[in-house]
C-alpha cells in the first residue's frame, strides 16, 4: 500500500476498534 492507503486502513481500524487516532492526526508519518 502507498502511505495514503496505509493511513486510511489504519484510521479505519482505529475507528472500528475505538482506539485513539494515529499520532500526527491527518499527517501520515511516512
N, C-alpha and C. Protein backbone atom coordinates (compact mmCIF):
# COMPACT_ATOMS: atom_id res chain seq x y z
N UNK A 1 0.84 -1.21 0.00
CA UNK A 1 0.00 0.00 0.00
C UNK A 1 0.87 1.25 0.00
N UNK A 2 0.35 2.30 -0.63
CA UNK A 2 1.05 3.57 -0.51
C UNK A 2 0.72 4.19 0.85
N UNK A 3 1.40 5.25 1.22
CA UNK A 3 1.24 5.79 2.57
C UNK A 3 -0.19 6.27 2.82
N UNK A 4 -0.87 6.80 1.79
CA UNK A 4 -2.24 7.25 1.97
C UNK A 4 -3.17 6.08 2.25
N UNK A 5 -3.06 5.02 1.45
CA UNK A 5 -3.91 3.83 1.66
C UNK A 5 -3.63 3.20 3.02
N UNK A 6 -2.36 3.14 3.41
CA UNK A 6 -1.98 2.58 4.71
C UNK A 6 -2.57 3.42 5.84
N UNK A 7 -2.51 4.74 5.68
CA UNK A 7 -3.11 5.62 6.69
C UNK A 7 -4.62 5.41 6.77
N UNK A 8 -5.29 5.32 5.62
CA UNK A 8 -6.73 5.10 5.59
C UNK A 8 -7.08 3.78 6.28
N UNK A 9 -6.33 2.72 5.97
CA UNK A 9 -6.58 1.42 6.60
C UNK A 9 -6.36 1.49 8.11
N UNK A 10 -5.32 2.18 8.53
CA UNK A 10 -5.02 2.32 9.95
C UNK A 10 -6.10 3.14 10.65
N UNK A 11 -6.53 4.23 10.01
CA UNK A 11 -7.59 5.07 10.58
C UNK A 11 -8.91 4.29 10.68
N UNK A 12 -9.20 3.49 9.65
CA UNK A 12 -10.41 2.67 9.65
C UNK A 12 -10.36 1.67 10.80
N UNK A 13 -9.22 1.00 10.96
CA UNK A 13 -9.05 0.04 12.04
C UNK A 13 -9.17 0.72 13.40
N UNK A 14 -8.59 1.90 13.53
CA UNK A 14 -8.66 2.65 14.78
C UNK A 14 -10.11 3.02 15.10
N UNK A 15 -10.85 3.45 14.10
CA UNK A 15 -12.25 3.82 14.28
C UNK A 15 -13.07 2.60 14.71
N UNK A 16 -12.88 1.49 14.02
CA UNK A 16 -13.63 0.27 14.31
C UNK A 16 -13.30 -0.30 15.68
N UNK A 17 -12.06 -0.11 16.10
CA UNK A 17 -11.61 -0.64 17.39
C UNK A 17 -11.77 0.37 18.52
N UNK A 18 -12.20 1.59 18.18
CA UNK A 18 -12.37 2.67 19.15
C UNK A 18 -11.05 2.99 19.86
N UNK A 19 -9.97 3.02 19.08
CA UNK A 19 -8.64 3.36 19.57
C UNK A 19 -8.36 4.83 19.20
N UNK A 20 -7.51 5.48 19.95
CA UNK A 20 -7.13 6.85 19.62
C UNK A 20 -6.50 6.91 18.23
N UNK A 21 -6.70 8.01 17.49
CA UNK A 21 -6.11 8.14 16.16
C UNK A 21 -4.59 8.09 16.21
N UNK A 22 -3.98 7.77 15.07
CA UNK A 22 -2.53 7.69 15.00
C UNK A 22 -1.90 9.06 15.28
N UNK A 23 -0.71 9.10 15.89
CA UNK A 23 -0.02 10.35 16.12
C UNK A 23 0.15 11.15 14.83
N UNK A 24 -0.08 12.45 14.89
CA UNK A 24 0.03 13.29 13.70
C UNK A 24 -1.32 13.58 13.07
N UNK A 25 -2.38 12.93 13.55
CA UNK A 25 -3.71 13.20 13.02
C UNK A 25 -3.81 12.83 11.56
N UNK A 26 -4.02 13.83 10.71
CA UNK A 26 -4.20 13.59 9.28
C UNK A 26 -2.88 13.51 8.52
N UNK A 27 -1.76 13.62 9.22
CA UNK A 27 -0.44 13.58 8.58
C UNK A 27 0.23 12.23 8.80
N UNK A 28 0.23 11.34 7.78
CA UNK A 28 0.92 10.06 7.92
C UNK A 28 2.41 10.26 8.21
N UNK A 29 2.96 9.48 9.10
CA UNK A 29 4.36 9.64 9.48
C UNK A 29 5.32 9.30 8.34
N UNK A 30 4.83 8.51 7.39
CA UNK A 30 5.66 8.15 6.25
C UNK A 30 5.08 8.78 4.99
